[in-house]
Amino acid sequence: MSIFNMEHTKKGVPPWLQHLQENSWEIELLISGGAVFTLLQFPEVFLNFMRMAKITSVIPGLSLMMVMGMAGIKILTNGFILHLLLRSFWLAMVCLNYIFPQGIDPQKMKRAAPFRSPHTEGDLQDMIMATDRHSGLVIFMTIISTLVLAGLVLGIFGLVLLLEPLITRGWLPPEIDELFGISCIAYFIDLVLMGSLRKIPGLSWLLYPVFRLYDFITLRPFYARPLALFSSNVRRPAFFGGALVFILVTGLTTYFPLVQTMHWPRLFDARKYRDQLTTSNKAMVNWYYADQCDPSHRGVVFIPSHLIETNYLKVNLRYDRWMDGLIDHSNPVRDQRFLSNLIQLRVNDSLYTHLEWLETKEIGDSQLGLVAVVDISGLPNGAHTVKVESANLPDPEYQRIRSELIYQVAIPFWKDVH
């Protein structure tokens, strides 16, 4: 048994565990490679699930959960990619060190002024050990960060479900939402700063009950000891620099998949006249046309294609959860409330008052909606526009909701029938 193994065995480290620690790179490469392959395919699945949840449910905070969930996926993805790169670099150095065990030849590393090389002797052993340690730190922080974020998502989701009914009924002041948000930010700052806020006398007592709650919902008791070992030994300036870069990369990789779904401004688009491309108020957007996007990306209203080669135009309307407020106040009799009664459809300026709307289902029972087949045989070939909007009904509450949720879509199409 080597001195290294004997020394660790005396400290209580079993030989099998010591062997695993010394040869963990094989398992790490396998895990990281499989994780990266899986995670690169997961964002689209997650976004489709969240889009469906926003369509079918009225759960508060879904947008925040979507952002934080995507951030968690990107933390894992970027962390495993970085770990895979470090381990690959580590393996390359191990191979190179094996090929040239004699180390650097100082005679061949002489440089003329002003060039100087600090690498004039020795081998790669120290660099190999440093890269090995960095690989371990990356995989640790990746897993811990994801656990924290997952805990925050679940905790915030649970607290929102608990607080929203109490605020709605007036049992809690609306300002509790702001306090909740500030406390979340404070907890996150304390986590990044390795518990610095907990070290401030006086403030620690004020933060204690809130932070203890967040500790519980973020599963901190599970990883508190490893985190303490990390926080008490890591070189903080280097850690904060690396963490800042990693947060920036994660923020950007989270932003790009969500920019369209969340309707965020495009940070890197320097075109000044995006909203002044034409004087026309019409737009050909791909989610208006079924043949230009997959079912999960279609808009609330869509038609088969921009080019209609028959005398009949099929118009689809998806039933979303936000429409329930309008339907609730469309008629005092529940049995007389129908979504089809709330839809006005025009082709160009002609209102179609006797359309038959039929129920339709797609992707199992998750996407429900209506479809109407419009006779356009009287229209000449050429450009036309189909317009769909919510009807104007007399009920005051309906009028109030409609003013907030008024929905109008204008979809251009071209008829070409021979």
Protein backbone atom coordinates (compact mmCIF):
# COMPACT_ATOMS: atom_id res chain seq x y z
CA MET A 1 0.00 0.00 0.00
CA SER A 2 1.37 3.43 -0.90
CA ILE A 3 2.12 6.10 1.70
CA PHE A 4 -0.73 8.17 0.20
CA ASN A 5 -3.23 5.36 0.70
CA MET A 6 -1.94 4.52 4.17
CA GLU A 7 -2.20 8.13 5.24
CA HIS A 8 -5.81 8.38 4.11
CA THR A 9 -6.73 5.02 5.53
CA LYS A 10 -5.60 6.22 8.94
CA LYS A 11 -7.95 9.15 8.54
CA GLY A 12 -10.83 6.76 8.04
CA VAL A 13 -11.04 6.75 4.24
CA PRO A 14 -11.68 3.18 3.04
CA PRO A 15 -9.38 1.94 0.25
CA TRP A 16 -12.32 1.45 -2.15
CA LEU A 17 -13.38 5.07 -1.65
CA GLN A 18 -9.82 6.30 -2.14
CA HIS A 19 -9.63 4.29 -5.36
CA LEU A 20 -12.93 5.77 -6.53
CA GLN A 21 -11.74 9.31 -5.80
CA GLU A 22 -8.54 8.75 -7.76
CA ASN A 23 -10.34 7.24 -10.77
CA SER A 24 -13.61 9.19 -10.76
CA TRP A 25 -12.74 10.89 -14.05
CA GLU A 26 -14.08 7.92 -16.01
CA ILE A 27 -17.48 8.16 -14.30
CA GLU A 28 -17.44 11.96 -14.60
CA LEU A 29 -16.85 11.86 -18.37
CA LEU A 30 -19.63 9.32 -18.81
CA ILE A 31 -22.10 11.31 -16.70
CA SER A 32 -21.22 14.67 -18.27
CA GLY A 33 -21.43 13.33 -21.83
CA GLY A 34 -24.81 11.72 -21.23
CA ALA A 35 -26.11 14.76 -19.37
CA VAL A 36 -25.09 17.20 -22.12
CA PHE A 37 -26.69 15.03 -24.81
CA THR A 38 -29.95 14.84 -22.84
CA LEU A 39 -30.06 18.45 -21.67
CA LEU A 40 -29.50 19.91 -25.13
CA GLN A 41 -32.81 18.33 -26.18
CA PHE A 42 -34.73 19.21 -23.03
CA PRO A 43 -35.44 22.98 -23.41
CA GLU A 44 -37.95 22.48 -26.24
CA VAL A 45 -39.79 19.79 -24.25
CA PHE A 46 -39.88 22.09 -21.20
CA LEU A 47 -41.10 25.10 -23.18
CA ASN A 48 -43.87 23.09 -24.84
CA PHE A 49 -44.98 21.83 -21.43
CA MET A 50 -45.04 25.37 -19.99
CA ARG A 51 -46.88 26.76 -23.02
CA MET A 52 -49.52 24.08 -22.56
CA ALA A 53 -49.75 24.88 -18.84
CA LYS A 54 -50.34 28.56 -19.64
CA ILE A 55 -53.06 27.60 -22.12
CA THR A 56 -54.94 25.18 -19.86
CA SER A 57 -54.43 26.51 -16.31
CA VAL A 58 -54.68 29.70 -14.29
CA ILE A 59 -51.79 28.94 -11.93
CA PRO A 60 -50.11 32.20 -10.88
CA GLY A 61 -46.41 32.67 -11.47
CA LEU A 62 -46.10 30.41 -14.53
CA SER A 63 -43.97 32.96 -16.39
CA LEU A 64 -41.54 33.18 -13.45
CA MET A 65 -41.45 29.40 -13.23
CA MET A 66 -40.71 29.21 -16.95
CA VAL A 67 -37.76 31.61 -16.63
CA MET A 68 -36.34 29.94 -13.52
CA GLY A 69 -36.90 26.46 -14.93
CA MET A 70 -35.07 27.37 -18.13
CA ALA A 71 -32.28 28.92 -16.06
CA GLY A 72 -31.97 25.63 -14.13
CA ILE A 73 -31.71 23.66 -17.37
CA LYS A 74 -29.05 26.03 -18.69
CA ILE A 75 -27.07 25.92 -15.43
CA LEU A 76 -26.92 22.14 -15.71
CA THR A 77 -26.14 22.22 -19.43
CA ASN A 78 -23.42 24.87 -19.21
CA GLY A 79 -21.96 23.29 -16.08
CA PHE A 80 -21.71 19.84 -17.62
CA ILE A 81 -20.29 21.28 -20.86
CA LEU A 82 -17.64 23.20 -18.90
CA HIS A 83 -16.86 20.09 -16.85
CA LEU A 84 -16.61 18.00 -20.02
CA LEU A 85 -14.19 20.51 -21.55
CA LEU A 86 -12.05 20.65 -18.40
CA ARG A 87 -11.94 16.86 -18.10
CA SER A 88 -11.08 16.51 -21.79
CA PHE A 89 -8.26 19.05 -21.35
CA TRP A 90 -7.13 17.20 -18.22
CA LEU A 91 -7.06 13.89 -20.10
CA ALA A 92 -5.09 15.47 -22.96
CA MET A 93 -2.47 16.75 -20.49
CA VAL A 94 -2.24 13.33 -18.80
CA CYS A 95 -1.60 11.74 -22.19
CA LEU A 96 0.99 14.38 -23.12
CA ASN A 97 2.74 13.98 -19.77
CA TYR A 98 2.88 10.23 -20.37
CA ILE A 99 4.29 10.64 -23.87
CA PHE A 100 7.05 13.02 -22.66
CA PRO A 101 7.89 11.89 -19.10
CA GLN A 102 11.26 13.71 -19.23
CA GLY A 103 9.48 17.07 -18.92
CA ILE A 104 10.35 20.38 -20.59
CA ASP A 105 13.77 20.64 -22.22
CA PRO A 106 15.20 23.99 -21.00
CA GLN A 107 17.73 24.14 -23.85
CA LYS A 108 14.95 24.30 -26.40
CA MET A 109 12.92 26.93 -24.53
CA LYS A 110 15.43 29.76 -24.74
CA ARG A 111 13.91 32.96 -26.17
CA ALA A 112 15.56 36.08 -27.51
CA ALA A 113 14.72 39.44 -25.92
CA PRO A 114 12.14 40.69 -25.30
CA PHE A 115 10.48 37.26 -25.24
CA ARG A 116 10.80 35.22 -22.08
CA SER A 117 9.17 31.89 -21.20
CA PRO A 118 8.34 30.93 -17.61
CA HIS A 119 8.00 27.31 -18.76
CA THR A 120 11.62 26.20 -18.86
CA GLU A 121 11.58 23.11 -16.65
CA GLY A 122 9.35 20.51 -14.99
CA ASP A 123 6.36 18.64 -16.31
CA LEU A 124 2.56 19.01 -16.34
CA GLN A 125 1.88 17.38 -12.98
CA ASP A 126 0.89 20.59 -11.14
CA MET A 127 -1.31 21.73 -14.01
CA ILE A 128 -2.96 18.31 -14.16
CA MET A 129 -3.72 18.43 -10.43
CA ALA A 130 -5.09 21.98 -10.67
CA THR A 131 -7.37 21.09 -13.59
CA ASP A 132 -8.54 18.01 -11.71
CA ARG A 133 -9.53 20.17 -8.73
CA HIS A 134 -11.28 22.71 -10.95
CA SER A 135 -13.27 19.93 -12.62
CA GLY A 136 -14.48 18.74 -9.24
CA LEU A 137 -15.47 22.27 -8.20
CA VAL A 138 -17.40 22.82 -11.45
CA ILE A 139 -19.44 19.65 -11.10
CA PHE A 140 -20.13 20.41 -7.43
CA MET A 141 -21.31 23.97 -8.08
CA THR A 142 -23.41 22.85 -11.04
CA ILE A 143 -25.33 20.32 -8.97
CA ILE A 144 -25.66 22.62 -5.94
CA SER A 145 -26.86 25.58 -8.05
CA THR A 146 -29.49 23.44 -9.72
CA LEU A 147 -30.70 22.07 -6.38
CA VAL A 148 -31.01 25.60 -5.01
CA LEU A 149 -32.88 26.85 -8.07
CA ALA A 150 -35.20 23.83 -8.10
CA GLY A 151 -35.95 24.41 -4.44
CA LEU A 152 -36.63 28.08 -5.06
CA VAL A 153 -38.98 27.28 -7.96
CA LEU A 154 -40.96 24.78 -5.90
CA GLY A 155 -40.91 27.00 -2.82
CA ILE A 156 -41.99 30.14 -4.66
CA PHE A 157 -44.68 28.16 -6.46
CA GLY A 158 -46.00 26.84 -3.14
CA LEU A 159 -45.89 30.22 -1.42
CA VAL A 160 -47.62 31.93 -4.36
CA LEU A 161 -50.42 29.35 -4.28
CA LEU A 162 -50.73 29.96 -0.54
CA LEU A 163 -50.53 33.76 -0.57
CA GLU A 164 -52.60 34.62 -3.67
CA PRO A 165 -55.98 33.45 -2.25
CA LEU A 166 -55.26 35.28 1.03
CA ILE A 167 -54.40 38.50 -0.82
CA THR A 168 -57.42 38.14 -3.12
CA ARG A 169 -59.75 37.78 -0.11
CA GLY A 170 -58.16 40.79 1.60
CA TRP A 171 -56.74 38.78 4.49
CA LEU A 172 -53.21 39.90 3.60
CA PRO A 173 -52.13 43.29 2.19
CA PRO A 174 -51.05 43.38 -1.47
CA GLU A 175 -47.64 44.72 -0.36
CA ILE A 176 -46.80 41.21 0.87
CA ASP A 177 -45.90 40.35 -2.74
CA GLU A 178 -43.21 43.03 -2.79
CA LEU A 179 -41.80 41.90 0.58
CA PHE A 180 -41.77 38.35 -0.72
CA GLY A 181 -39.81 39.39 -3.81
CA ILE A 182 -37.30 41.46 -1.81
CA SER A 183 -36.70 38.60 0.62
CA CYS A 184 -36.06 36.21 -2.30
CA ILE A 185 -33.47 38.60 -3.77
CA ALA A 186 -31.81 39.02 -0.35
CA TYR A 187 -31.60 35.24 0.09
CA PHE A 188 -30.06 34.82 -3.36
CA ILE A 189 -27.49 37.56 -2.68
CA ASP A 190 -26.57 35.93 0.63
CA LEU A 191 -26.16 32.60 -1.13
CA VAL A 192 -23.85 34.03 -3.81
CA LEU A 193 -21.85 35.92 -1.15
CA MET A 194 -21.44 32.71 0.87
CA GLY A 195 -23.53 33.72 3.86
CA SER A 196 -22.20 37.27 4.25
CA LEU A 197 -25.60 38.70 5.29
CA ARG A 198 -25.86 36.11 8.06
CA LYS A 199 -22.66 37.48 9.61
CA ILE A 200 -24.01 41.01 10.19
CA PRO A 201 -25.05 41.49 13.86
CA GLY A 202 -28.63 42.66 14.28
CA LEU A 203 -29.54 42.02 10.64
CA SER A 204 -29.01 38.32 11.24
CA TRP A 205 -31.92 38.26 13.73
CA LEU A 206 -34.17 40.08 11.28
CA LEU A 207 -33.34 37.71 8.44
CA TYR A 208 -33.33 34.52 10.51
CA PRO A 209 -37.03 33.46 10.27
CA VAL A 210 -37.27 34.21 6.53
CA PHE A 211 -33.92 32.63 5.67
CA ARG A 212 -34.73 29.53 7.71
CA LEU A 213 -37.91 29.12 5.67
CA TYR A 214 -35.96 29.50 2.43
CA ASP A 215 -33.30 27.10 3.71
CA PHE A 216 -36.01 24.50 4.12
CA ILE A 217 -37.67 24.98 0.73
CA THR A 218 -34.31 25.08 -1.11
CA LEU A 219 -33.26 21.77 0.50
CA ARG A 220 -30.26 23.46 2.16
CA PRO A 221 -30.02 20.94 5.05
CA PHE A 222 -29.20 18.34 2.39
CA TYR A 223 -26.12 20.14 1.05
CA ALA A 224 -25.23 22.50 3.92
CA ARG A 225 -22.12 20.60 5.02
CA PRO A 226 -20.55 20.29 1.53
CA LEU A 227 -21.37 23.98 0.96
CA ALA A 228 -19.65 24.90 4.24
CA LEU A 229 -16.56 22.90 3.20
CA PHE A 230 -16.53 24.68 -0.16
CA SER A 231 -17.19 28.20 1.22
CA SER A 232 -14.53 27.97 3.93
CA ASN A 233 -11.74 26.82 1.58
CA VAL A 234 -12.36 28.32 -1.85
CA ARG A 235 -10.37 31.37 -2.99
CA ARG A 236 -13.17 33.93 -3.07
CA PRO A 237 -11.87 36.47 -5.61
CA ALA A 238 -11.28 33.70 -8.14
CA PHE A 239 -14.64 32.14 -7.33
CA PHE A 240 -16.55 35.41 -7.72
CA GLY A 241 -14.82 36.11 -11.03
CA GLY A 242 -15.65 32.66 -12.39
CA ALA A 243 -19.20 32.80 -10.99
CA LEU A 244 -19.79 36.19 -12.64
CA VAL A 245 -18.74 34.86 -16.04
CA PHE A 246 -20.82 31.71 -15.59
CA ILE A 247 -23.90 33.73 -14.52
CA LEU A 248 -23.48 35.96 -17.59
CA VAL A 249 -23.24 32.96 -19.95
CA THR A 250 -26.20 31.27 -18.25
CA GLY A 251 -28.24 34.47 -18.46
CA LEU A 252 -27.60 34.78 -22.19
CA THR A 253 -28.33 31.12 -22.91
CA THR A 254 -31.54 31.43 -20.88
CA TYR A 255 -32.54 34.63 -22.68
CA PHE A 256 -32.31 33.37 -26.25
CA PRO A 257 -34.81 30.45 -26.02
CA LEU A 258 -37.31 32.63 -24.14
CA VAL A 259 -37.08 35.94 -26.00
CA GLN A 260 -39.93 35.14 -28.37
CA THR A 261 -42.16 33.34 -25.87
CA MET A 262 -41.80 36.06 -23.22
CA HIS A 263 -41.91 38.93 -25.78
CA TRP A 264 -38.68 40.38 -24.41
CA PRO A 265 -36.75 43.10 -26.30
CA ARG A 266 -34.01 41.78 -28.57
CA LEU A 267 -30.80 42.88 -26.87
CA PHE A 268 -28.46 42.39 -29.80
CA ASP A 269 -30.74 43.58 -32.58
CA ALA A 270 -29.42 47.01 -33.58
CA ARG A 271 -31.95 47.62 -36.36
CA LYS A 272 -33.67 50.93 -35.54
CA TYR A 273 -36.78 50.58 -37.69
CA ARG A 274 -38.06 47.12 -36.81
CA ASP A 275 -41.51 48.62 -36.16
CA GLN A 276 -41.50 50.86 -39.23
CA LEU A 277 -40.95 48.43 -42.08
CA THR A 278 -44.16 49.34 -43.93
CA THR A 279 -47.21 51.57 -43.70
CA SER A 280 -49.43 48.48 -43.92
CA ASN A 281 -50.99 47.29 -40.64
CA LYS A 282 -50.90 43.68 -41.83
CA ALA A 283 -48.21 41.14 -40.96
CA MET A 284 -47.41 37.66 -42.20
CA VAL A 285 -46.44 35.92 -38.94
CA ASN A 286 -45.63 32.22 -39.17
CA TRP A 287 -47.78 31.22 -36.19
CA TYR A 288 -50.86 32.39 -38.10
CA TYR A 289 -50.34 29.60 -40.67
CA ALA A 290 -50.55 25.89 -39.80
CA ASP A 291 -48.13 24.86 -42.55
CA GLN A 292 -45.36 27.17 -41.28
CA CYS A 293 -44.98 26.01 -37.65
CA ASP A 294 -45.56 22.94 -35.52
CA PRO A 295 -48.81 22.65 -33.48
CA SER A 296 -47.24 23.76 -30.19
CA HIS A 297 -46.22 27.14 -31.70
CA ARG A 298 -49.45 28.08 -33.46
CA GLY A 299 -51.25 31.23 -32.41
CA VAL A 300 -54.67 31.49 -30.79
CA VAL A 301 -56.09 32.03 -34.30
CA PHE A 302 -54.61 30.39 -37.40
CA ILE A 303 -55.52 29.29 -40.93
CA PRO A 304 -54.09 26.45 -43.05
CA SER A 305 -51.74 28.56 -45.22
CA HIS A 306 -51.13 32.01 -46.63
CA LEU A 307 -52.11 30.65 -50.05
CA ILE A 308 -55.68 29.31 -50.28
CA GLU A 309 -56.37 27.27 -53.40
CA THR A 310 -59.99 26.34 -52.67
CA ASN A 311 -63.22 28.28 -52.22
CA TYR A 312 -63.34 27.42 -48.52
CA LEU A 313 -61.17 28.94 -45.79
CA LYS A 314 -60.75 27.02 -42.52
CA VAL A 315 -60.27 29.29 -39.50
CA ASN A 316 -59.12 27.78 -36.20
CA LEU A 317 -59.52 29.36 -32.76
CA ARG A 318 -57.72 27.84 -29.77
CA TYR A 319 -59.51 27.87 -26.42
CA ASP A 320 -57.22 29.40 -23.77
CA ARG A 321 -57.84 29.66 -20.04
CA TRP A 322 -57.95 33.49 -20.12
CA MET A 323 -61.15 33.34 -22.20
CA ASP A 324 -63.12 31.97 -19.24
CA GLY A 325 -63.62 35.46 -17.78
CA LEU A 326 -65.40 36.57 -20.96
CA ILE A 327 -67.47 33.38 -21.18
CA ASP A 328 -68.52 33.66 -17.50
CA HIS A 329 -70.19 37.02 -18.14
CA SER A 330 -71.46 36.44 -21.65
CA ASN A 331 -74.88 35.18 -20.45
CA PRO A 332 -76.61 35.03 -17.02
CA VAL A 333 -77.65 31.42 -17.75
CA ARG A 334 -74.72 29.02 -17.51
CA ASP A 335 -76.14 26.61 -20.08
CA GLN A 336 -76.30 29.43 -22.61
CA ARG A 337 -72.64 30.38 -22.36
CA PHE A 338 -70.68 29.36 -25.45
CA LEU A 339 -67.35 30.52 -26.74
CA SER A 340 -68.72 30.53 -30.28
CA ASN A 341 -71.13 33.33 -29.31
CA LEU A 342 -68.21 35.61 -28.46
CA ILE A 343 -66.45 35.49 -31.82
CA GLN A 344 -66.78 38.00 -34.63
CA LEU A 345 -65.23 37.04 -37.97
CA ARG A 346 -64.75 39.30 -40.94
CA VAL A 347 -63.17 38.74 -44.32
CA ASN A 348 -61.97 42.13 -45.49
CA ASP A 349 -64.86 44.32 -44.25
CA SER A 350 -67.68 41.75 -44.50
CA LEU A 351 -69.00 40.38 -41.18
CA TYR A 352 -70.02 36.70 -41.29
CA THR A 353 -72.98 36.35 -38.91
CA HIS A 354 -74.18 32.79 -39.62
CA LEU A 355 -71.00 30.77 -39.30
CA GLU A 356 -71.11 27.34 -37.70
CA TRP A 357 -68.26 26.86 -35.26
CA LEU A 358 -67.34 23.22 -34.62
CA GLU A 359 -65.34 21.85 -31.71
CA THR A 360 -61.88 20.53 -32.54
CA LYS A 361 -59.13 18.81 -30.56
CA GLU A 362 -55.41 18.48 -31.18
CA ILE A 363 -52.55 16.79 -29.31
CA GLY A 364 -54.80 14.60 -27.22
CA ASP A 365 -57.26 16.70 -25.23
CA SER A 366 -54.83 19.46 -24.23
CA GLN A 367 -55.51 21.81 -27.11
CA LEU A 368 -59.23 22.42 -27.50
CA GLY A 369 -60.82 24.95 -29.77
CA LEU A 370 -63.21 25.82 -32.53
CA VAL A 371 -63.01 25.68 -36.28
CA ALA A 372 -65.20 27.38 -38.88
CA VAL A 373 -65.21 26.82 -42.64
CA VAL A 374 -65.83 30.11 -44.43
CA ASP A 375 -67.23 30.18 -47.97
CA ILE A 376 -65.00 32.54 -49.96
CA SER A 377 -66.27 31.57 -53.41
CA GLY A 378 -67.52 35.12 -53.88
CA LEU A 379 -64.07 36.59 -53.40
CA PRO A 380 -61.86 37.26 -56.42
CA ASN A 381 -58.37 35.83 -56.63
CA GLY A 382 -55.79 37.97 -54.89
CA ALA A 383 -55.03 39.40 -51.45
CA HIS A 384 -57.58 39.34 -48.62
CA THR A 385 -57.63 39.53 -44.82
CA VAL A 386 -59.54 37.46 -42.28
CA LYS A 387 -60.16 39.24 -38.96
CA VAL A 388 -61.20 37.59 -35.69
CA GLU A 389 -62.06 39.53 -32.53
CA SER A 390 -64.08 39.26 -29.34
CA ALA A 391 -67.68 40.35 -29.67
CA ASN A 392 -69.05 43.45 -27.96
CA LEU A 393 -71.74 42.33 -25.44
CA PRO A 394 -73.75 44.61 -23.11
CA ASP A 395 -72.89 43.05 -19.72
CA PRO A 396 -70.83 45.65 -17.71
CA GLU A 397 -68.45 43.06 -16.22
CA TYR A 398 -67.97 41.53 -19.66
CA GLN A 399 -67.18 45.01 -20.99
CA ARG A 400 -64.60 45.55 -18.23
CA ILE A 401 -62.86 42.24 -18.87
CA ARG A 402 -63.02 42.74 -22.64
CA SER A 403 -61.33 46.14 -22.32
CA GLU A 404 -58.41 44.42 -20.59
CA LEU A 405 -58.32 41.25 -22.70
CA ILE A 406 -59.63 42.45 -26.05
CA TYR A 407 -58.24 40.14 -28.69
CA GLN A 408 -58.08 40.95 -32.37
CA VAL A 409 -56.16 39.13 -35.08
CA ALA A 410 -55.83 40.11 -38.72
CA ILE A 411 -54.37 37.40 -40.96
CA PRO A 412 -53.56 38.15 -44.60
CA PHE A 413 -54.02 35.42 -47.20
CA TRP A 414 -54.09 35.07 -50.97
CA LYS A 415 -56.78 33.25 -52.87
CA ASP A 416 -55.67 31.42 -55.99
CA VAL A 417 -58.45 29.23 -57.41
CA HIS A 418 -58.47 28.13 -61.05
